[in-house]
Amino acid sequence: MISKISNDFPVFDFKKDARYLGFFDFSCPEGPIFSWSGCSIQTNFNGTGIYAKIIDKNMTGNSWISVIIDYKESDPINIKPDKDMYVIAKGLKNEAHNLEIHKRTEALLGQLQFCGFELSSGGRFLTPPSEKARKIEIIGDSITCGAGNEGVYSGDDAEFLGKEENNYMSYGPIAARILDADIAMVSISGSGCYQNYGGAKENTIGDLYLKTNLSTSYDEWNLKKWTPDVVVVNLGTNDFSAEIDTDKFKEKYKRLIKHIRNKYSKAAIFCSIGPMNLQPGKYIDSVVNELKIEGDSSIFYCEFDPIDLKDEGLGWGTHPTIKTHEKMAKKLANEIKLRLCW
């Protein structure tokens, strides 16, 4: 149970007072566990302040959350092993507010458990935000995570810092906001389709896809709760970081896309690449054309423009900066609008 802030505050109801977007594990009665970048918890409330109990399940201290209060991003919060209660917002006007907590760091950096919200004295929870009419799912690697997008490139041996990874300002969530759509993501740094960064062929994103958490025991997502209209796959960058058999890459990529099609029969699938390495593009485009010939009319190829070093710069590890992510988001949103008449 959460310790009360005052005697005049409503008990938080996990089912009635919040909305969860992304892949969560609800099997624990104390509160849902989540790992993937972009998992978010949304609530509406009336009052002057709000607090949250969040537990660092892995005791890493590397997980960060973005706080979006009344649709404006405020300072991020580092979730620490020796702390579980956090001031999310205080000193607000005593009126209706919207809050979103967004997991800005990826699963590799830590797994979190949300154990509820508390309000300042006199506050009350309102009906949480409604589902959007449109839904997007993205499967990807560090680019989709937003790795290093708030950092500055300082050499290939620079330390990967969680505080420099802001998934809320990565291309997927930005595109979703442009399109007024809900979004869920399955992404992890170093992941590939056929092989991961450096050539390892175990535990690729295909092995992890549609799993709620990175742990020894997985709970599969209930597909009845989430059926996207659009699935974006942005894989291949890490596959081509080492020597590769391109025929096997195409075979594995095609198998992944067919798996997605079997899960989401009506979704439009956008097979994308870039902006760090466009070399895999011709092979991905070839798979798209093969699938079209086989009868899949709702599959498309989308190539992101290369990074403009002079205008956009480089983030940690030569990753895209927020400026590049914003450019990617506009292109993706425009492609979806064009293909689907959104």
C-alpha atoms as a PDB file:
ATOM      1  CA  MET A   1       0.000   0.000   0.000  1.00  0.00           C
ATOM      2  CA  ILE A   2       1.073   3.570  -0.649  1.00  0.00           C
ATOM      3  CA  SER A   3       1.578   5.739   2.431  1.00  0.00           C
ATOM      4  CA  LYS A   4      -0.985   8.533   2.398  1.00  0.00           C
ATOM      5  CA  ILE A   5       0.004  12.141   1.893  1.00  0.00           C
ATOM      6  CA  SER A   6      -2.978  13.325   3.967  1.00  0.00           C
ATOM      7  CA  ASN A   7      -6.231  12.064   5.422  1.00  0.00           C
ATOM      8  CA  ASP A   8      -8.147  13.922   2.738  1.00  0.00           C
ATOM      9  CA  PHE A   9      -7.097  12.134  -0.400  1.00  0.00           C
ATOM     10  CA  PRO A  10      -8.759   9.518  -2.643  1.00  0.00           C
ATOM     11  CA  VAL A  11      -7.464   5.969  -2.901  1.00  0.00           C
ATOM     12  CA  PHE A  12      -6.042   5.335  -6.359  1.00  0.00           C
ATOM     13  CA  ASP A  13      -7.839   2.680  -8.419  1.00  0.00           C
ATOM     14  CA  PHE A  14      -5.521   1.022 -10.957  1.00  0.00           C
ATOM     15  CA  LYS A  15      -8.365   0.149 -13.314  1.00  0.00           C
ATOM     16  CA  LYS A  16     -10.520   3.276 -13.078  1.00  0.00           C
ATOM     17  CA  ASP A  17      -8.075   6.123 -12.520  1.00  0.00           C
ATOM     18  CA  ALA A  18      -5.363   5.560 -15.140  1.00  0.00           C
ATOM     19  CA  ARG A  19      -4.787   4.454 -18.689  1.00  0.00           C
ATOM     20  CA  TYR A  20      -1.790   2.340 -19.724  1.00  0.00           C
ATOM     21  CA  LEU A  21      -0.245   2.606 -23.167  1.00  0.00           C
ATOM     22  CA  GLY A  22       2.349   0.110 -24.311  1.00  0.00           C
ATOM     23  CA  PHE A  23       3.214  -3.404 -23.157  1.00  0.00           C
ATOM     24  CA  PHE A  24       2.694  -3.949 -19.413  1.00  0.00           C
ATOM     25  CA  ASP A  25       2.724  -7.065 -17.240  1.00  0.00           C
ATOM     26  CA  PHE A  26      -0.349  -6.889 -14.981  1.00  0.00           C
ATOM     27  CA  SER A  27       0.215 -10.213 -13.228  1.00  0.00           C
ATOM     28  CA  CYS A  28       1.568  -8.622 -10.016  1.00  0.00           C
ATOM     29  CA  PRO A  29      -1.198  -7.364  -7.655  1.00  0.00           C
ATOM     30  CA  GLU A  30       0.998  -4.531  -6.314  1.00  0.00           C
ATOM     31  CA  GLY A  31       1.084  -2.883  -9.736  1.00  0.00           C
ATOM     32  CA  PRO A  32       2.037  -3.395 -13.385  1.00  0.00           C
ATOM     33  CA  ILE A  33       5.637  -4.003 -14.452  1.00  0.00           C
ATOM     34  CA  PHE A  34       7.012  -2.470 -17.639  1.00  0.00           C
ATOM     35  CA  SER A  35      10.291  -2.501 -19.526  1.00  0.00           C
ATOM     36  CA  TRP A  36       9.957  -1.252 -23.089  1.00  0.00           C
ATOM     37  CA  SER A  37      10.688   2.303 -24.135  1.00  0.00           C
ATOM     38  CA  GLY A  38       7.603   4.445 -24.447  1.00  0.00           C
ATOM     39  CA  CYS A  39       5.358   2.625 -21.992  1.00  0.00           C
ATOM     40  CA  SER A  40       3.192   5.336 -20.491  1.00  0.00           C
ATOM     41  CA  ILE A  41       0.671   5.826 -17.708  1.00  0.00           C
ATOM     42  CA  GLN A  42      -1.913   8.551 -18.147  1.00  0.00           C
ATOM     43  CA  THR A  43      -4.346  10.095 -15.697  1.00  0.00           C
ATOM     44  CA  ASN A  44      -6.559  13.138 -15.241  1.00  0.00           C
ATOM     45  CA  PHE A  45      -6.989  14.752 -11.850  1.00  0.00           C
ATOM     46  CA  ASN A  46      -8.158  17.870 -10.066  1.00  0.00           C
ATOM     47  CA  GLY A  47      -5.762  19.292  -7.497  1.00  0.00           C
ATOM     48  CA  THR A  48      -2.489  21.048  -6.765  1.00  0.00           C
ATOM     49  CA  GLY A  49      -0.060  18.126  -6.719  1.00  0.00           C
ATOM     50  CA  ILE A  50       0.470  14.488  -7.622  1.00  0.00           C
ATOM     51  CA  TYR A  51       2.914  11.821  -6.464  1.00  0.00           C
ATOM     52  CA  ALA A  52       3.785   8.380  -7.808  1.00  0.00           C
ATOM     53  CA  LYS A  53       5.177   5.202  -6.298  1.00  0.00           C
ATOM     54  CA  ILE A  54       7.579   3.610  -8.800  1.00  0.00           C
ATOM     55  CA  ILE A  55       9.988   0.781  -7.991  1.00  0.00           C
ATOM     56  CA  ASP A  56      13.304   0.067  -9.730  1.00  0.00           C
ATOM     57  CA  LYS A  57      12.858  -3.697 -10.138  1.00  0.00           C
ATOM     58  CA  ASN A  58      16.435  -4.354 -11.300  1.00  0.00           C
ATOM     59  CA  MET A  59      18.062  -1.984  -8.786  1.00  0.00           C
ATOM     60  CA  THR A  60      20.100  -0.436 -11.600  1.00  0.00           C
ATOM     61  CA  GLY A  61      19.391   3.244 -11.020  1.00  0.00           C
ATOM     62  CA  ASN A  62      19.609   3.759 -14.792  1.00  0.00           C
ATOM     63  CA  SER A  63      15.901   4.114 -15.597  1.00  0.00           C
ATOM     64  CA  TRP A  64      14.405   7.514 -16.312  1.00  0.00           C
ATOM     65  CA  ILE A  65      10.841   8.687 -16.890  1.00  0.00           C
ATOM     66  CA  SER A  66       9.554  11.724 -18.731  1.00  0.00           C
ATOM     67  CA  VAL A  67       6.822  13.722 -17.028  1.00  0.00           C
ATOM     68  CA  ILE A  68       4.278  15.440 -19.253  1.00  0.00           C
ATOM     69  CA  ILE A  69       1.930  17.661 -17.270  1.00  0.00           C
ATOM     70  CA  ASP A  70      -0.859  19.417 -19.156  1.00  0.00           C
ATOM     71  CA  TYR A  71       0.765  18.287 -22.426  1.00  0.00           C
ATOM     72  CA  LYS A  72       4.120  19.959 -21.665  1.00  0.00           C
ATOM     73  CA  GLU A  73       7.284  17.968 -20.974  1.00  0.00           C
ATOM     74  CA  SER A  74       8.873  18.869 -17.648  1.00  0.00           C
ATOM     75  CA  ASP A  75      12.134  17.731 -16.039  1.00  0.00           C
ATOM     76  CA  PRO A  76      12.770  13.968 -16.239  1.00  0.00           C
ATOM     77  CA  ILE A  77      13.007  11.827 -13.099  1.00  0.00           C
ATOM     78  CA  ASN A  78      15.674   9.232 -12.369  1.00  0.00           C
ATOM     79  CA  ILE A  79      14.155   6.144 -10.704  1.00  0.00           C
ATOM     80  CA  LYS A  80      16.565   5.056  -7.954  1.00  0.00           C
ATOM     81  CA  PRO A  81      16.995   1.756  -6.094  1.00  0.00           C
ATOM     82  CA  ASP A  82      16.749   3.382  -2.645  1.00  0.00           C
ATOM     83  CA  LYS A  83      13.606   5.407  -3.320  1.00  0.00           C
ATOM     84  CA  ASP A  84      10.064   4.577  -4.362  1.00  0.00           C
ATOM     85  CA  MET A  85       7.936   7.729  -3.852  1.00  0.00           C
ATOM     86  CA  TYR A  86       8.382  10.641  -6.272  1.00  0.00           C
ATOM     87  CA  VAL A  87       6.953  14.136  -6.469  1.00  0.00           C
ATOM     88  CA  ILE A  88       5.611  14.307 -10.003  1.00  0.00           C
ATOM     89  CA  ALA A  89       4.115  17.806  -9.852  1.00  0.00           C
ATOM     90  CA  LYS A  90       3.334  20.302  -7.084  1.00  0.00           C
ATOM     91  CA  GLY A  91       2.238  23.906  -6.739  1.00  0.00           C
ATOM     92  CA  LEU A  92      -0.294  23.535  -9.539  1.00  0.00           C
ATOM     93  CA  LYS A  93      -3.456  25.569  -9.834  1.00  0.00           C
ATOM     94  CA  ASN A  94      -6.336  23.837  -8.095  1.00  0.00           C
ATOM     95  CA  GLU A  95      -8.054  22.784 -11.301  1.00  0.00           C
ATOM     96  CA  ALA A  96      -8.189  19.892 -13.767  1.00  0.00           C
ATOM     97  CA  HIS A  97      -4.843  18.575 -15.041  1.00  0.00           C
ATOM     98  CA  ASN A  98      -3.622  15.879 -17.421  1.00  0.00           C
ATOM     99  CA  LEU A  99      -0.555  13.780 -16.591  1.00  0.00           C
ATOM    100  CA  GLU A 100       1.486  11.292 -18.583  1.00  0.00           C
ATOM    101  CA  ILE A 101       4.456   9.347 -17.225  1.00  0.00           C
ATOM    102  CA  HIS A 102       6.500   8.060 -20.175  1.00  0.00           C
ATOM    103  CA  LYS A 103       9.360   5.535 -19.858  1.00  0.00           C
ATOM    104  CA  ARG A 104      12.125   7.381 -21.653  1.00  0.00           C
ATOM    105  CA  THR A 105      14.838   4.738 -21.215  1.00  0.00           C
ATOM    106  CA  GLU A 106      14.949   1.283 -22.756  1.00  0.00           C
ATOM    107  CA  ALA A 107      14.569  -2.193 -21.283  1.00  0.00           C
ATOM    108  CA  LEU A 108      18.334  -2.797 -21.178  1.00  0.00           C
ATOM    109  CA  LEU A 109      18.652  -0.016 -18.607  1.00  0.00           C
ATOM    110  CA  GLY A 110      16.011  -1.297 -16.230  1.00  0.00           C
ATOM    111  CA  GLN A 111      12.545  -2.577 -15.486  1.00  0.00           C
ATOM    112  CA  LEU A 112      10.034  -0.563 -13.462  1.00  0.00           C
ATOM    113  CA  GLN A 113       6.913  -1.256 -11.436  1.00  0.00           C
ATOM    114  CA  PHE A 114       4.156   1.315 -11.091  1.00  0.00           C
ATOM    115  CA  CYS A 115       2.430   1.081  -7.700  1.00  0.00           C
ATOM    116  CA  GLY A 116      -0.004   3.981  -7.947  1.00  0.00           C
ATOM    117  CA  PHE A 117      -0.591   7.720  -7.797  1.00  0.00           C
ATOM    118  CA  GLU A 118      -1.384   9.919  -4.802  1.00  0.00           C
ATOM    119  CA  LEU A 119      -2.864  13.407  -4.820  1.00  0.00           C
ATOM    120  CA  SER A 120      -2.282  16.344  -2.541  1.00  0.00           C
ATOM    121  CA  SER A 121      -4.957  17.092   0.043  1.00  0.00           C
ATOM    122  CA  GLY A 122      -8.351  17.817  -1.496  1.00  0.00           C
ATOM    123  CA  GLY A 123      -7.481  16.405  -4.903  1.00  0.00           C
ATOM    124  CA  ARG A 124      -9.572  13.903  -6.818  1.00  0.00           C
ATOM    125  CA  PHE A 125      -9.056  11.653  -9.798  1.00  0.00           C
ATOM    126  CA  LEU A 126     -11.060  12.324 -12.948  1.00  0.00           C
ATOM    127  CA  THR A 127     -11.955  10.033 -15.827  1.00  0.00           C
ATOM    128  CA  PRO A 128      -8.640   9.091 -17.519  1.00  0.00           C
ATOM    129  CA  PRO A 129      -7.901   9.947 -21.152  1.00  0.00           C
ATOM    130  CA  SER A 130      -9.735   7.950 -23.804  1.00  0.00           C
ATOM    131  CA  GLU A 131      -8.131   5.695 -26.382  1.00  0.00           C
ATOM    132  CA  LYS A 132      -7.172   7.318 -29.661  1.00  0.00           C
ATOM    133  CA  ALA A 133      -9.005   6.261 -32.797  1.00  0.00           C
ATOM    134  CA  ARG A 134      -5.683   5.314 -34.436  1.00  0.00           C
ATOM    135  CA  LYS A 135      -2.942   3.010 -33.167  1.00  0.00           C
ATOM    136  CA  ILE A 136       0.688   2.609 -34.247  1.00  0.00           C
ATOM    137  CA  GLU A 137       3.216  -0.033 -33.239  1.00  0.00           C
ATOM    138  CA  ILE A 138       6.955   0.278 -33.911  1.00  0.00           C
ATOM    139  CA  ILE A 139       9.551  -2.499 -33.810  1.00  0.00           C
ATOM    140  CA  GLY A 140      13.133  -1.303 -33.848  1.00  0.00           C
ATOM    141  CA  ASP A 141      16.571  -0.823 -32.365  1.00  0.00           C
ATOM    142  CA  SER A 142      18.432   1.996 -30.608  1.00  0.00           C
ATOM    143  CA  ILE A 143      17.140   4.542 -33.102  1.00  0.00           C
ATOM    144  CA  THR A 144      13.553   3.738 -32.146  1.00  0.00           C
ATOM    145  CA  CYS A 145      14.533   3.831 -28.457  1.00  0.00           C
ATOM    146  CA  GLY A 146      15.922   7.330 -28.893  1.00  0.00           C
ATOM    147  CA  ALA A 147      19.366   6.278 -27.638  1.00  0.00           C
ATOM    148  CA  GLY A 148      21.697   9.239 -27.157  1.00  0.00           C
ATOM    149  CA  ASN A 149      19.319  11.760 -28.700  1.00  0.00           C
ATOM    150  CA  GLU A 150      20.020  14.238 -25.884  1.00  0.00           C
ATOM    151  CA  GLY A 151      23.752  13.572 -25.926  1.00  0.00           C
ATOM    152  CA  VAL A 152      26.554  14.874 -28.120  1.00  0.00           C
ATOM    153  CA  TYR A 153      28.911  12.573 -29.987  1.00  0.00           C
ATOM    154  CA  SER A 154      32.299  12.551 -28.253  1.00  0.00           C
ATOM    155  CA  GLY A 155      33.924   9.379 -29.559  1.00  0.00           C
ATOM    156  CA  ASP A 156      32.997   5.746 -30.071  1.00  0.00           C
ATOM    157  CA  ASP A 157      34.058   4.771 -26.540  1.00  0.00           C
ATOM    158  CA  ALA A 158      31.832   7.294 -24.742  1.00  0.00           C
ATOM    159  CA  GLU A 159      29.651   5.838 -21.986  1.00  0.00           C
ATOM    160  CA  PHE A 160      25.993   5.188 -22.759  1.00  0.00           C
ATOM    161  CA  LEU A 161      24.031   7.319 -20.259  1.00  0.00           C
ATOM    162  CA  GLY A 162      20.360   6.737 -19.585  1.00  0.00           C
ATOM    163  CA  LYS A 163      19.760  10.418 -18.893  1.00  0.00           C
ATOM    164  CA  GLU A 164      20.675  11.154 -22.538  1.00  0.00           C
ATOM    165  CA  GLU A 165      18.009   8.811 -23.939  1.00  0.00           C
ATOM    166  CA  ASN A 166      14.628  10.501 -24.367  1.00  0.00           C
ATOM    167  CA  ASN A 167      12.131   8.186 -26.009  1.00  0.00           C
ATOM    168  CA  TYR A 168       9.362  10.755 -25.683  1.00  0.00           C
ATOM    169  CA  MET A 169      11.301  12.868 -28.200  1.00  0.00           C
ATOM    170  CA  SER A 170      12.125  10.003 -30.567  1.00  0.00           C
ATOM    171  CA  TYR A 171      10.559   9.788 -34.007  1.00  0.00           C
ATOM    172  CA  GLY A 172       7.817   7.285 -33.108  1.00  0.00           C
ATOM    173  CA  PRO A 173       6.078   9.180 -30.291  1.00  0.00           C
ATOM    174  CA  ILE A 174       6.529  12.479 -32.158  1.00  0.00           C
ATOM    175  CA  ALA A 175       4.882  10.983 -35.274  1.00  0.00           C
ATOM    176  CA  ALA A 176       2.083   9.570 -33.124  1.00  0.00           C
ATOM    177  CA  ARG A 177       1.413  13.021 -31.694  1.00  0.00           C
ATOM    178  CA  ILE A 178       1.365  14.515 -35.201  1.00  0.00           C
ATOM    179  CA  LEU A 179      -1.174  11.853 -36.242  1.00  0.00           C
ATOM    180  CA  ASP A 180      -3.132  11.968 -32.954  1.00  0.00           C
ATOM    181  CA  ALA A 181      -2.524   8.236 -32.511  1.00  0.00           C
ATOM    182  CA  ASP A 182      -1.691   5.882 -29.663  1.00  0.00           C
ATOM    183  CA  ILE A 183       1.678   4.132 -29.879  1.00  0.00           C
ATOM    184  CA  ALA A 184       3.397   1.050 -28.487  1.00  0.00           C
ATOM    185  CA  MET A 185       7.023   0.092 -29.105  1.00  0.00           C
ATOM    186  CA  VAL A 186       9.220  -2.985 -28.935  1.00  0.00           C
ATOM    187  CA  SER A 187      12.785  -1.768 -29.355  1.00  0.00           C
ATOM    188  CA  ILE A 188      16.189  -2.405 -27.891  1.00  0.00           C
ATOM    189  CA  SER A 189      19.654  -1.071 -28.641  1.00  0.00           C
ATOM    190  CA  GLY A 190      21.884  -3.325 -30.687  1.00  0.00           C
ATOM    191  CA  SER A 191      19.016  -5.417 -31.996  1.00  0.00           C
ATOM    192  CA  GLY A 192      18.746  -6.663 -35.520  1.00  0.00           C
ATOM    193  CA  CYS A 193      16.397  -8.838 -37.474  1.00  0.00           C
ATOM    194  CA  TYR A 194      18.804 -11.594 -38.563  1.00  0.00           C
ATOM    195  CA  GLN A 195      21.750 -10.656 -36.342  1.00  0.00           C
ATOM    196  CA  ASN A 196      22.480  -8.110 -33.655  1.00  0.00           C
ATOM    197  CA  TYR A 197      25.243  -5.501 -33.539  1.00  0.00           C
ATOM    198  CA  GLY A 198      28.581  -7.236 -34.062  1.00  0.00           C
ATOM    199  CA  GLY A 199      27.061 -10.355 -35.619  1.00  0.00           C
ATOM    200  CA  ALA A 200      25.522 -12.309 -32.708  1.00  0.00           C
ATOM    201  CA  LYS A 201      22.485 -14.228 -33.943  1.00  0.00           C
ATOM    202  CA  GLU A 202      20.842 -15.031 -30.600  1.00  0.00           C
ATOM    203  CA  ASN A 203      18.145 -12.903 -28.947  1.00  0.00           C
ATOM    204  CA  THR A 204      17.382 -10.725 -31.930  1.00  0.00           C
ATOM    205  CA  ILE A 205      14.320  -8.499 -31.836  1.00  0.00           C
ATOM    206  CA  GLY A 206      12.437 -11.250 -33.649  1.00  0.00           C
ATOM    207  CA  ASP A 207      12.986 -13.472 -30.614  1.00  0.00           C
ATOM    208  CA  LEU A 208      11.786 -10.757 -28.252  1.00  0.00           C
ATOM    209  CA  TYR A 209       8.882  -9.435 -30.287  1.00  0.00           C
ATOM    210  CA  LEU A 210       5.501  -9.334 -28.574  1.00  0.00           C
ATOM    211  CA  LYS A 211       6.934 -10.009 -25.136  1.00  0.00           C
ATOM    212  CA  THR A 212       5.947  -7.648 -22.364  1.00  0.00           C
ATOM    213  CA  ASN A 213       9.179  -7.605 -20.358  1.00  0.00           C
ATOM    214  CA  LEU A 214      12.816  -8.585 -20.652  1.00  0.00           C
ATOM    215  CA  SER A 215      13.084 -11.224 -17.948  1.00  0.00           C
ATOM    216  CA  THR A 216      13.566 -14.959 -17.567  1.00  0.00           C
ATOM    217  CA  SER A 217       9.812 -15.454 -17.752  1.00  0.00           C
ATOM    218  CA  TYR A 218       7.676 -13.613 -20.255  1.00  0.00           C
ATOM    219  CA  ASP A 219       3.976 -12.851 -20.329  1.00  0.00           C
ATOM    220  CA  GLU A 220       2.658 -12.505 -23.861  1.00  0.00           C
ATOM    221  CA  TRP A 221       0.612  -9.421 -24.604  1.00  0.00           C
ATOM    222  CA  ASN A 222      -3.120  -9.979 -24.899  1.00  0.00           C
ATOM    223  CA  LEU A 223      -3.714  -9.067 -28.535  1.00  0.00           C
ATOM    224  CA  LYS A 224      -7.397  -8.389 -27.858  1.00  0.00           C
ATOM    225  CA  LYS A 225      -6.289  -5.286 -25.943  1.00  0.00           C
ATOM    226  CA  TRP A 226      -4.043  -3.939 -28.691  1.00  0.00           C
ATOM    227  CA  THR A 227      -4.590  -4.118 -32.441  1.00  0.00           C
ATOM    228  CA  PRO A 228      -2.619  -1.455 -34.337  1.00  0.00           C
ATOM    229  CA  ASP A 229      -3.698   0.132 -37.599  1.00  0.00           C
ATOM    230  CA  VAL A 230      -0.044   0.647 -38.574  1.00  0.00           C
ATOM    231  CA  VAL A 231       3.092  -1.362 -37.767  1.00  0.00           C
ATOM    232  CA  VAL A 232       6.465   0.240 -38.496  1.00  0.00           C
ATOM    233  CA  VAL A 233       9.573  -1.957 -38.642  1.00  0.00           C
ATOM    234  CA  ASN A 234      12.893  -0.098 -38.480  1.00  0.00           C
ATOM    235  CA  LEU A 235      15.499  -2.874 -38.428  1.00  0.00           C
ATOM    236  CA  GLY A 236      18.625  -3.624 -40.441  1.00  0.00           C
ATOM    237  CA  THR A 237      21.101  -1.045 -39.168  1.00  0.00           C
ATOM    238  CA  ASN A 238      22.663  -3.460 -36.675  1.00  0.00           C
ATOM    239  CA  ASP A 239      22.385  -6.427 -39.052  1.00  0.00           C
ATOM    240  CA  PHE A 240      24.811  -4.670 -41.386  1.00  0.00           C
ATOM    241  CA  SER A 241      27.291  -3.727 -38.653  1.00  0.00           C
ATOM    242  CA  ALA A 242      29.157  -6.997 -39.342  1.00  0.00           C
ATOM    243  CA  GLU A 243      29.674  -9.424 -42.185  1.00  0.00           C
ATOM    244  CA  ILE A 244      26.274 -10.676 -43.280  1.00  0.00           C
ATOM    245  CA  ASP A 245      24.651 -13.223 -45.564  1.00  0.00           C
ATOM    246  CA  THR A 246      22.137 -10.967 -47.321  1.00  0.00           C
ATOM    247  CA  ASP A 247      19.994 -13.883 -48.482  1.00  0.00           C
ATOM    248  CA  LYS A 248      19.588 -15.074 -44.895  1.00  0.00           C
ATOM    249  CA  PHE A 249      18.852 -11.515 -43.810  1.00  0.00           C
ATOM    250  CA  LYS A 250      16.066 -11.272 -46.379  1.00  0.00           C
ATOM    251  CA  GLU A 251      14.730 -14.678 -45.368  1.00  0.00           C
ATOM    252  CA  LYS A 252      14.582 -13.729 -41.658  1.00  0.00           C
ATOM    253  CA  TYR A 253      13.172 -10.281 -42.405  1.00  0.00           C
ATOM    254  CA  LYS A 254      10.443 -11.784 -44.557  1.00  0.00           C
ATOM    255  CA  ARG A 255       9.616 -14.290 -41.845  1.00  0.00           C
ATOM    256  CA  LEU A 256       9.279 -11.478 -39.284  1.00  0.00           C
ATOM    257  CA  ILE A 257       6.967  -9.478 -41.551  1.00  0.00           C
ATOM    258  CA  LYS A 258       4.806 -12.540 -42.178  1.00  0.00           C
ATOM    259  CA  HIS A 259       4.640 -13.103 -38.417  1.00  0.00           C
ATOM    260  CA  ILE A 260       3.428  -9.532 -37.976  1.00  0.00           C
ATOM    261  CA  ARG A 261       0.892 -10.011 -40.756  1.00  0.00           C
ATOM    262  CA  ASN A 262      -0.443 -13.149 -39.060  1.00  0.00           C
ATOM    263  CA  LYS A 263      -0.881 -11.210 -35.818  1.00  0.00           C
ATOM    264  CA  TYR A 264      -2.380  -8.090 -37.382  1.00  0.00           C
ATOM    265  CA  SER A 265      -4.194  -9.095 -40.552  1.00  0.00           C
ATOM    266  CA  LYS A 266      -5.588  -5.631 -41.322  1.00  0.00           C
ATOM    267  CA  ALA A 267      -2.643  -3.436 -40.346  1.00  0.00           C
ATOM    268  CA  ALA A 268      -0.619  -1.423 -42.834  1.00  0.00           C
ATOM    269  CA  ILE A 269       3.035  -2.422 -42.467  1.00  0.00           C
ATOM    270  CA  PHE A 270       5.780   0.132 -43.151  1.00  0.00           C
ATOM    271  CA  CYS A 271       9.227  -1.438 -43.583  1.00  0.00           C
ATOM    272  CA  SER A 272      11.692   1.370 -42.946  1.00  0.00           C
ATOM    273  CA  ILE A 273      15.411   1.975 -42.688  1.00  0.00           C
ATOM    274  CA  GLY A 274      17.670   4.820 -41.663  1.00  0.00           C
ATOM    275  CA  PRO A 275      18.908   7.341 -40.950  1.00  0.00           C
ATOM    276  CA  MET A 276      22.256   5.924 -39.749  1.00  0.00           C
ATOM    277  CA  ASN A 277      22.852   3.376 -42.521  1.00  0.00           C
ATOM    278  CA  LEU A 278      20.798   3.024 -45.703  1.00  0.00           C
ATOM    279  CA  GLN A 279      22.732  -0.010 -47.007  1.00  0.00           C
ATOM    280  CA  PRO A 280      20.026  -2.522 -45.956  1.00  0.00           C
ATOM    281  CA  GLY A 281      17.391  -0.544 -47.845  1.00  0.00           C
ATOM    282  CA  LYS A 282      17.635  -2.340 -51.183  1.00  0.00           C
ATOM    283  CA  TYR A 283      17.210  -5.724 -49.499  1.00  0.00           C
ATOM    284  CA  ILE A 284      14.250  -4.558 -47.419  1.00  0.00           C
ATOM    285  CA  ASP A 285      12.635  -2.977 -50.482  1.00  0.00           C
ATOM    286  CA  SER A 286      13.135  -6.278 -52.301  1.00  0.00           C
ATOM    287  CA  VAL A 287      11.295  -8.150 -49.536  1.00  0.00           C
ATOM    288  CA  VAL A 288       8.465  -5.623 -49.681  1.00  0.00           C
ATOM    289  CA  ASN A 289       8.118  -6.125 -53.434  1.00  0.00           C
ATOM    290  CA  GLU A 290       8.154  -9.916 -53.031  1.00  0.00           C
ATOM    291  CA  LEU A 291       5.384  -9.740 -50.448  1.00  0.00           C
ATOM    292  CA  LYS A 292       3.348  -7.473 -52.692  1.00  0.00           C
ATOM    293  CA  ILE A 293       3.657 -10.000 -55.505  1.00  0.00           C
ATOM    294  CA  GLU A 294       2.488 -12.672 -53.049  1.00  0.00           C
ATOM    295  CA  GLY A 295      -0.654 -10.640 -52.440  1.00  0.00           C
ATOM    296  CA  ASP A 296       0.032  -8.324 -49.496  1.00  0.00           C
ATOM    297  CA  SER A 297      -1.280  -4.969 -50.703  1.00  0.00           C
ATOM    298  CA  SER A 298      -0.854  -3.166 -47.357  1.00  0.00           C
ATOM    299  CA  ILE A 299       2.921  -3.201 -47.087  1.00  0.00           C
ATOM    300  CA  PHE A 300       5.193  -0.266 -47.949  1.00  0.00           C
ATOM    301  CA  TYR A 301       8.859   0.713 -47.966  1.00  0.00           C
ATOM    302  CA  CYS A 302       9.888   3.929 -46.191  1.00  0.00           C
ATOM    303  CA  GLU A 303      13.474   5.217 -46.261  1.00  0.00           C
ATOM    304  CA  PHE A 304      14.451   7.943 -43.800  1.00  0.00           C
ATOM    305  CA  ASP A 305      16.797  10.628 -45.061  1.00  0.00           C
ATOM    306  CA  PRO A 306      20.454  10.425 -43.929  1.00  0.00           C
ATOM    307  CA  ILE A 307      21.546  12.558 -40.987  1.00  0.00           C
ATOM    308  CA  ASP A 308      22.486  16.088 -41.991  1.00  0.00           C
ATOM    309  CA  LEU A 309      25.640  16.461 -39.921  1.00  0.00           C
ATOM    310  CA  LYS A 310      25.921  20.223 -40.372  1.00  0.00           C
ATOM    311  CA  ASP A 311      22.306  21.023 -39.501  1.00  0.00           C
ATOM    312  CA  GLU A 312      21.418  18.227 -37.075  1.00  0.00           C
ATOM    313  CA  GLY A 313      24.681  17.081 -35.503  1.00  0.00           C
ATOM    314  CA  LEU A 314      25.201  13.693 -33.878  1.00  0.00           C
ATOM    315  CA  GLY A 315      24.057  12.327 -30.551  1.00  0.00           C
ATOM    316  CA  TRP A 316      25.811   9.727 -28.427  1.00  0.00           C
ATOM    317  CA  GLY A 317      27.405   6.940 -30.470  1.00  0.00           C
ATOM    318  CA  THR A 318      26.649   8.769 -33.760  1.00  0.00           C
ATOM    319  CA  HIS A 319      22.926   8.315 -33.070  1.00  0.00           C
ATOM    320  CA  PRO A 320      20.298  10.768 -34.290  1.00  0.00           C
ATOM    321  CA  THR A 321      19.703  13.915 -32.267  1.00  0.00           C
ATOM    322  CA  ILE A 322      16.223  15.153 -31.375  1.00  0.00           C
ATOM    323  CA  LYS A 323      16.405  17.399 -34.439  1.00  0.00           C
ATOM    324  CA  THR A 324      16.913  14.342 -36.660  1.00  0.00           C
ATOM    325  CA  HIS A 325      14.109  12.485 -34.871  1.00  0.00           C
ATOM    326  CA  GLU A 326      11.768  15.397 -35.544  1.00  0.00           C
ATOM    327  CA  LYS A 327      12.663  15.213 -39.241  1.00  0.00           C
ATOM    328  CA  MET A 328      12.087  11.445 -39.245  1.00  0.00           C
ATOM    329  CA  ALA A 329       8.737  11.853 -37.495  1.00  0.00           C
ATOM    330  CA  LYS A 330       7.492  14.296 -40.113  1.00  0.00           C
ATOM    331  CA  LYS A 331       8.499  11.930 -42.919  1.00  0.00           C
ATOM    332  CA  LEU A 332       6.861   8.928 -41.279  1.00  0.00           C
ATOM    333  CA  ALA A 333       3.683  10.849 -40.526  1.00  0.00           C
ATOM    334  CA  ASN A 334       3.529  12.109 -44.109  1.00  0.00           C
ATOM    335  CA  GLU A 335       4.067   8.584 -45.493  1.00  0.00           C
ATOM    336  CA  ILE A 336       1.244   7.237 -43.350  1.00  0.00           C
ATOM    337  CA  LYS A 337      -1.046  10.109 -44.328  1.00  0.00           C
ATOM    338  CA  LEU A 338      -0.259   9.547 -48.006  1.00  0.00           C
ATOM    339  CA  ARG A 339      -0.728   5.770 -47.985  1.00  0.00           C
ATOM    340  CA  LEU A 340      -3.733   5.599 -45.674  1.00  0.00           C
ATOM    341  CA  CYS A 341      -5.424   8.963 -46.301  1.00  0.00           C
ATOM    342  CA  TRP A 342      -5.285   9.854 -42.632  1.00  0.00           C
END
